[in-house]
Amino acid sequence: MVVQDDALLKYLDDDGTTIEPEFYVPIVPLALVNAPSGIGTGWSTSVPPYNPLDIIDNIERLMDGREMKEMVPWVRGFKGTITKVDEHTFMTEGVIEKVDAHTLRITELPLHTWTNAYKEFLETKWLGSELEAGKARVRALRAKHTEQSVEFELDVRGGSMAVLDRRDLLKEFKLRSSIKTSNMVLFHPDGIREYSSPLDIIRDFYPVRREFYDKRKAHLEQLLSREIRVLQNRFRFCDLVSNAKLLVINRPKADVLADLAACGIEPLASGADDVASFEYLLNSPISSLTRERLERLGNDKNAKEKELKELQQTSAVSMWREDLKALRKALGKLF
């Protein structure tokens, strides 16, 4: 989320109280990052998570008019593998290795498998039990987990390891799971939509987010233009008063207001609902009439004019690119 977008959102009203926006506009489609799953408004949905760096790459490809690259579900820190089975199915595999002639080590579980549930499976199905044909036995189970990783060590005795060597360990120890992309249903500004691939979600997201960059640019140009007008008028006002070309002290306010208008100084509203007036000038402190303050006003005006010119020369897509660049840099510190 970018704070400059806050003023562009359509905020809902709850019995006279302004609440959350109708929808947010993050710089990447967060539905592909946060993996929403559940039931709501008559629809169920299940969207797997994807690597935000891959999402950024594909958005930039759309910006350049290039084809997007296929994306595979991704989970930060997952040490196993995720492979495509068919159009809407991906297989996830945990990690199991043979340490020595008597020890197996499991260092990753397949996605959507909870550690406690898996430990119960090992205790129920393997600890002290026998395989049907080969009588392979697991005599001891040690859990060596940390907050960031999972690890089970299994002691295999007798000729049990020889039996397991002839078998698919991932299958025997239930270290495979599947991810489906056949039920990706999301809210769109035009209504509920069902998507067949994550790339379709990016395609739908792109024009919505692109439009808000146009709105952001126009909004920022409007804000900068007003700031420049305020600075111009303050500079003109302070200059006239300092050089005794505009008398303010001990004069009727109506006469002062008439002189301000005659000097070409512009009345401005302090807020969206306020009436334009000269109060923003007449309420200025005495310190604003010093030479140093006058010089600062001139410098501030020039800086804002330069900022506005640079903004006007920056395309909406370029603004988006800069946000994506900053996001990529931040993500680089995480993984």
Protein backbone atom coordinates (compact mmCIF):
# COMPACT_ATOMS: atom_id res chain seq x y z
CA MET A 1 0.00 0.00 0.00
CA VAL A 2 1.18 3.53 -0.75
CA VAL A 3 0.02 6.43 1.41
CA GLN A 4 -0.42 8.72 -1.62
CA ASP A 5 -3.34 6.54 -2.72
CA ASP A 6 -5.37 7.05 0.46
CA ALA A 7 -7.07 10.20 -0.79
CA LEU A 8 -8.10 8.43 -4.03
CA LEU A 9 -10.05 5.59 -2.43
CA LYS A 10 -13.83 5.51 -2.13
CA TYR A 11 -14.57 5.27 1.58
CA LEU A 12 -17.79 3.61 2.70
CA ASP A 13 -20.29 5.16 5.10
CA ASP A 14 -21.75 3.27 8.04
CA ASP A 15 -24.64 5.24 9.54
CA GLY A 16 -22.79 8.53 9.18
CA THR A 17 -19.36 7.15 10.09
CA THR A 18 -16.64 6.85 7.48
CA ILE A 19 -15.19 3.34 7.50
CA GLU A 20 -12.88 1.32 5.24
CA PRO A 21 -12.65 1.87 1.47
CA GLU A 22 -14.76 -0.04 -1.02
CA PHE A 23 -11.50 -1.69 -2.06
CA TYR A 24 -7.78 -1.04 -1.68
CA VAL A 25 -5.28 -0.72 -4.51
CA PRO A 26 -1.94 -2.30 -3.53
CA ILE A 27 0.87 -2.07 -6.07
CA VAL A 28 0.73 -5.85 -6.62
CA PRO A 29 -2.34 -8.13 -6.41
CA LEU A 30 -2.14 -9.28 -2.80
CA ALA A 31 -4.61 -12.08 -3.44
CA LEU A 32 -1.70 -13.88 -5.12
CA VAL A 33 0.52 -13.29 -2.08
CA ASN A 34 -1.81 -13.82 0.89
CA ALA A 35 -3.50 -16.97 -0.50
CA PRO A 36 -7.18 -16.35 0.39
CA SER A 37 -9.20 -19.48 1.05
CA GLY A 38 -12.71 -19.98 2.35
CA ILE A 39 -16.38 -19.42 1.66
CA GLY A 40 -18.17 -16.11 1.27
CA THR A 41 -21.12 -14.55 -0.55
CA GLY A 42 -22.22 -17.87 -1.99
CA TRP A 43 -18.81 -18.72 -3.44
CA SER A 44 -15.85 -20.71 -2.20
CA THR A 45 -12.30 -19.80 -3.16
CA SER A 46 -8.80 -21.17 -2.88
CA VAL A 47 -5.87 -19.20 -4.26
CA PRO A 48 -2.37 -20.52 -3.60
CA PRO A 49 0.46 -18.11 -2.71
CA TYR A 50 3.01 -17.00 -5.29
CA ASN A 51 6.42 -15.39 -5.09
CA PRO A 52 5.93 -11.58 -5.03
CA LEU A 53 9.14 -11.21 -7.05
CA ASP A 54 7.59 -13.32 -9.83
CA ILE A 55 4.47 -11.15 -9.66
CA ILE A 56 6.56 -7.99 -9.96
CA ASP A 57 8.39 -9.46 -12.95
CA ASN A 58 5.13 -10.22 -14.73
CA ILE A 59 3.66 -6.78 -14.05
CA GLU A 60 6.78 -5.23 -15.55
CA ARG A 61 6.40 -7.54 -18.55
CA LEU A 62 2.88 -6.20 -19.09
CA MET A 63 4.26 -2.67 -18.88
CA ASP A 64 6.77 -3.52 -21.62
CA GLY A 65 4.19 -5.25 -23.81
CA ARG A 66 5.79 -8.67 -23.34
CA GLU A 67 4.23 -12.03 -22.57
CA MET A 68 4.06 -12.97 -18.91
CA LYS A 69 5.84 -16.06 -17.59
CA GLU A 70 3.99 -18.94 -15.99
CA MET A 71 4.15 -18.91 -12.19
CA VAL A 72 4.38 -21.83 -9.78
CA PRO A 73 2.94 -21.61 -6.23
CA TRP A 74 5.56 -20.55 -3.72
CA VAL A 75 5.87 -20.39 0.06
CA ARG A 76 8.63 -18.46 1.76
CA GLY A 77 11.09 -20.75 3.52
CA PHE A 78 9.65 -23.96 2.05
CA LYS A 79 12.57 -26.37 1.47
CA GLY A 80 10.62 -28.98 -0.47
CA THR A 81 9.65 -28.97 -4.13
CA ILE A 82 6.53 -27.80 -5.98
CA THR A 83 6.01 -29.24 -9.46
CA LYS A 84 3.24 -28.90 -12.00
CA VAL A 85 1.11 -32.00 -12.62
CA ASP A 86 -1.51 -30.59 -14.97
CA GLU A 87 -3.17 -27.25 -15.78
CA HIS A 88 -4.76 -26.86 -12.35
CA THR A 89 -2.73 -29.19 -10.12
CA PHE A 90 0.66 -28.85 -8.47
CA MET A 91 2.42 -31.47 -6.36
CA THR A 92 4.31 -30.45 -3.22
CA GLU A 93 6.88 -32.74 -1.67
CA GLY A 94 8.58 -32.61 1.70
CA VAL A 95 12.18 -33.63 2.33
CA ILE A 96 13.35 -36.97 3.73
CA GLU A 97 16.90 -38.28 3.64
CA LYS A 98 18.82 -41.34 4.72
CA VAL A 99 21.43 -40.21 7.26
CA ASP A 100 23.06 -43.59 7.86
CA ALA A 101 22.20 -47.29 7.86
CA HIS A 102 19.79 -46.85 10.75
CA THR A 103 18.51 -43.24 10.57
CA LEU A 104 16.04 -41.29 8.45
CA ARG A 105 15.62 -37.55 8.78
CA ILE A 106 12.57 -35.52 7.71
CA THR A 107 13.36 -31.80 7.37
CA GLU A 108 10.30 -30.54 5.51
CA LEU A 109 6.63 -31.45 5.37
CA PRO A 110 4.44 -31.01 2.30
CA LEU A 111 2.34 -27.86 2.21
CA HIS A 112 -0.87 -27.83 4.26
CA THR A 113 0.52 -30.47 6.66
CA TRP A 114 0.65 -29.44 10.32
CA THR A 115 3.60 -30.55 12.44
CA ASN A 116 1.54 -31.92 15.34
CA ALA A 117 -0.79 -33.84 13.05
CA TYR A 118 2.19 -35.33 11.23
CA LYS A 119 3.81 -36.36 14.50
CA GLU A 120 0.60 -38.21 15.43
CA PHE A 121 0.72 -39.96 12.06
CA LEU A 122 4.31 -41.11 12.67
CA GLU A 123 3.50 -42.30 16.18
CA THR A 124 0.35 -44.12 15.08
CA LYS A 125 1.50 -45.66 11.81
CA TRP A 126 5.25 -46.10 12.25
CA LEU A 127 6.54 -46.08 15.77
CA GLY A 128 6.89 -49.72 16.73
CA SER A 129 4.67 -50.87 13.86
CA GLU A 130 5.44 -53.18 10.95
CA LEU A 131 5.11 -52.66 7.23
CA GLU A 132 2.81 -55.25 5.74
CA ALA A 133 5.28 -57.11 3.56
CA GLY A 134 8.77 -56.31 4.75
CA LYS A 135 8.30 -55.90 8.49
CA ALA A 136 10.21 -52.60 8.53
CA ARG A 137 10.24 -51.01 11.98
CA VAL A 138 10.79 -47.47 13.35
CA ARG A 139 11.89 -47.92 16.95
CA ALA A 140 12.44 -44.33 18.03
CA LEU A 141 11.21 -40.90 16.98
CA ARG A 142 12.96 -37.65 17.90
CA ALA A 143 11.54 -34.19 17.20
CA LYS A 144 14.17 -31.48 16.76
CA HIS A 145 12.05 -28.56 15.59
CA THR A 146 12.84 -24.86 15.85
CA GLU A 147 10.48 -21.92 15.42
CA GLN A 148 11.51 -21.70 11.77
CA SER A 149 12.02 -25.34 10.79
CA VAL A 150 10.73 -28.87 11.28
CA GLU A 151 12.89 -31.94 11.86
CA PHE A 152 12.06 -35.53 12.74
CA GLU A 153 14.69 -38.24 13.18
CA LEU A 154 13.58 -41.84 12.92
CA ASP A 155 15.64 -44.81 14.14
CA VAL A 156 15.19 -47.81 11.86
CA ARG A 157 16.51 -51.15 13.11
CA GLY A 158 17.25 -54.63 11.83
CA GLY A 159 16.70 -55.16 8.12
CA SER A 160 14.05 -52.44 8.00
CA MET A 161 16.22 -49.93 6.14
CA ALA A 162 16.83 -52.44 3.36
CA VAL A 163 13.06 -52.74 2.93
CA LEU A 164 12.62 -48.98 2.87
CA ASP A 165 15.46 -48.58 0.36
CA ARG A 166 13.31 -50.43 -2.17
CA ARG A 167 10.31 -48.16 -1.59
CA ASP A 168 9.27 -44.60 -2.36
CA LEU A 169 9.99 -42.84 0.95
CA LEU A 170 7.90 -39.80 0.05
CA LYS A 171 4.89 -42.06 -0.51
CA GLU A 172 5.51 -44.30 2.48
CA PHE A 173 5.83 -41.36 4.85
CA LYS A 174 3.00 -39.33 3.25
CA LEU A 175 5.27 -36.46 2.26
CA ARG A 176 3.27 -35.43 -0.80
CA SER A 177 0.30 -33.11 -1.09
CA SER A 178 -1.46 -31.33 -3.94
CA ILE A 179 -2.39 -27.73 -4.64
CA LYS A 180 -5.35 -26.90 -6.87
CA THR A 181 -5.85 -23.73 -8.91
CA SER A 182 -9.30 -24.69 -10.20
CA ASN A 183 -11.30 -22.64 -7.70
CA MET A 184 -9.78 -19.14 -7.72
CA VAL A 185 -12.75 -16.82 -7.18
CA LEU A 186 -12.15 -13.18 -6.31
CA PHE A 187 -13.93 -9.86 -6.02
CA HIS A 188 -13.38 -7.49 -8.95
CA PRO A 189 -14.62 -3.87 -9.07
CA ASP A 190 -17.22 -5.11 -11.59
CA GLY A 191 -18.31 -8.10 -9.50
CA ILE A 192 -17.25 -11.63 -8.55
CA ARG A 193 -15.01 -13.39 -11.07
CA GLU A 194 -13.59 -16.89 -11.41
CA TYR A 195 -10.02 -17.16 -12.70
CA SER A 196 -8.30 -20.04 -14.45
CA SER A 197 -4.72 -18.93 -13.78
CA PRO A 198 -2.72 -16.41 -11.69
CA LEU A 199 -1.78 -14.62 -14.91
CA ASP A 200 -5.46 -13.88 -15.55
CA ILE A 201 -5.62 -12.29 -12.10
CA ILE A 202 -2.64 -10.08 -12.95
CA ARG A 203 -4.24 -9.13 -16.29
CA ASP A 204 -7.43 -8.04 -14.53
CA PHE A 205 -5.50 -6.25 -11.79
CA TYR A 206 -3.27 -4.28 -14.19
CA PRO A 207 -5.79 -1.79 -15.69
CA VAL A 208 -7.40 -1.14 -12.30
CA ARG A 209 -4.07 -0.32 -10.66
CA ARG A 210 -2.89 1.58 -13.77
CA GLU A 211 -5.94 3.85 -13.60
CA PHE A 212 -5.17 4.71 -9.99
CA TYR A 213 -1.66 5.78 -10.94
CA ASP A 214 -3.23 8.23 -13.40
CA LYS A 215 -5.45 9.44 -10.56
CA ARG A 216 -2.50 9.68 -8.17
CA LYS A 217 -0.48 11.72 -10.64
CA ALA A 218 -3.37 14.13 -11.26
CA HIS A 219 -4.00 14.42 -7.50
CA LEU A 220 -0.34 15.13 -6.72
CA GLU A 221 -0.17 17.71 -9.51
CA GLN A 222 -3.23 19.40 -8.03
CA LEU A 223 -1.71 19.43 -4.54
CA LEU A 224 1.62 20.79 -5.76
CA SER A 225 -0.07 23.46 -7.85
CA ARG A 226 -1.98 24.65 -4.81
CA GLU A 227 1.16 24.67 -2.66
CA ILE A 228 2.90 26.77 -5.29
CA ARG A 229 -0.01 29.21 -5.38
CA VAL A 230 0.10 29.51 -1.60
CA LEU A 231 3.85 30.13 -1.63
CA GLN A 232 3.55 32.66 -4.45
CA ASN A 233 0.86 34.58 -2.60
CA ARG A 234 2.74 34.44 0.71
CA PHE A 235 5.89 35.68 -0.96
CA ARG A 236 4.02 38.50 -2.69
CA PHE A 237 2.19 39.45 0.52
CA CYS A 238 5.32 39.46 2.70
CA ASP A 239 7.26 41.40 0.08
CA LEU A 240 4.57 44.10 -0.20
CA VAL A 241 4.20 44.47 3.57
CA SER A 242 7.96 44.48 4.21
CA ASN A 243 8.50 47.22 1.63
CA ALA A 244 5.54 49.28 2.89
CA LYS A 245 3.71 48.86 -0.40
CA LEU A 246 0.80 47.27 1.42
CA LEU A 247 -0.33 48.79 4.70
CA VAL A 248 -2.03 46.42 7.12
CA ILE A 249 -1.61 47.87 10.61
CA ASN A 250 -4.46 50.02 12.03
CA ARG A 251 -6.56 49.89 8.87
CA PRO A 252 -10.10 48.61 8.31
CA LYS A 253 -10.03 44.97 7.26
CA ALA A 254 -12.26 45.66 4.26
CA ASP A 255 -9.70 48.16 2.92
CA VAL A 256 -6.87 45.68 3.39
CA LEU A 257 -8.84 42.97 1.56
CA ALA A 258 -9.53 45.37 -1.30
CA ASP A 259 -5.83 46.23 -1.58
CA LEU A 260 -4.89 42.55 -1.57
CA ALA A 261 -7.26 41.90 -4.46
CA ALA A 262 -5.96 44.95 -6.31
CA CYS A 263 -2.39 43.64 -5.96
CA GLY A 264 -3.39 40.41 -7.69
CA ILE A 265 -3.10 38.25 -4.58
CA GLU A 266 -5.41 35.25 -4.64
CA PRO A 267 -7.84 34.25 -1.87
CA LEU A 268 -7.63 30.53 -1.09
CA ALA A 269 -9.64 28.06 0.94
CA SER A 270 -7.81 26.33 3.75
CA GLY A 271 -9.82 23.12 3.24
CA ALA A 272 -12.08 21.41 0.74
CA ASP A 273 -15.24 22.75 2.40
CA ASP A 274 -13.94 26.21 3.33
CA VAL A 275 -14.68 29.45 1.52
CA ALA A 276 -11.77 31.10 -0.25
CA SER A 277 -10.39 34.02 1.75
CA PHE A 278 -7.20 35.91 2.63
CA GLU A 279 -7.08 34.53 6.18
CA TYR A 280 -4.12 32.30 5.38
CA LEU A 281 -2.16 35.53 4.80
CA LEU A 282 -3.61 37.81 7.44
CA ASN A 283 -2.99 35.18 10.13
CA SER A 284 0.71 35.02 9.28
CA PRO A 285 3.07 35.64 12.25
CA ILE A 286 5.28 38.73 12.37
CA SER A 287 8.32 36.49 11.94
CA SER A 288 7.17 35.75 8.40
CA LEU A 289 7.98 39.34 7.42
CA THR A 290 11.72 39.02 7.98
CA ARG A 291 14.21 38.97 5.12
CA GLU A 292 15.28 35.42 5.96
CA ARG A 293 11.69 34.24 5.86
CA LEU A 294 11.14 35.96 2.53
CA GLU A 295 14.19 34.24 1.06
CA ARG A 296 12.99 30.90 2.38
CA LEU A 297 9.58 31.39 0.78
CA GLY A 298 11.24 32.09 -2.54
CA ASN A 299 13.41 28.98 -2.25
CA ASP A 300 10.44 26.84 -1.23
CA LYS A 301 8.43 28.11 -4.21
CA ASN A 302 11.25 27.32 -6.63
CA ALA A 303 11.67 23.83 -5.16
CA LYS A 304 7.96 23.09 -5.49
CA GLU A 305 7.91 24.36 -9.06
CA LYS A 306 10.81 22.04 -9.89
CA GLU A 307 9.03 19.14 -8.20
CA LEU A 308 5.86 19.83 -10.19
CA LYS A 309 7.77 19.99 -13.47
CA GLU A 310 9.44 16.65 -12.73
CA LEU A 311 6.08 15.10 -11.83
CA GLN A 312 4.49 16.39 -15.05
CA GLN A 313 7.31 14.78 -17.02
CA THR A 314 6.88 11.45 -15.21
CA SER A 315 4.43 8.95 -16.67
CA ALA A 316 2.00 7.02 -14.51
CA VAL A 317 3.72 3.77 -15.49
CA SER A 318 7.08 5.20 -14.41
CA MET A 319 5.59 5.98 -10.99
CA TRP A 320 4.43 2.38 -10.76
CA ARG A 321 7.88 1.14 -11.75
CA GLU A 322 9.46 3.16 -8.93
CA ASP A 323 7.03 1.66 -6.40
CA LEU A 324 7.80 -1.85 -7.67
CA LYS A 325 11.53 -1.10 -7.49
CA ALA A 326 11.16 -0.03 -3.85
CA LEU A 327 9.10 -3.15 -3.08
CA ARG A 328 11.65 -5.41 -4.76
CA LYS A 329 14.40 -3.81 -2.65
CA ALA A 330 12.41 -4.31 0.56
CA LEU A 331 11.67 -7.94 -0.32
CA GLY A 332 15.36 -8.49 -1.02
CA LYS A 333 16.04 -7.88 2.67
CA LEU A 334 13.55 -10.58 3.66
CA PHE A 335 14.48 -13.42 1.32
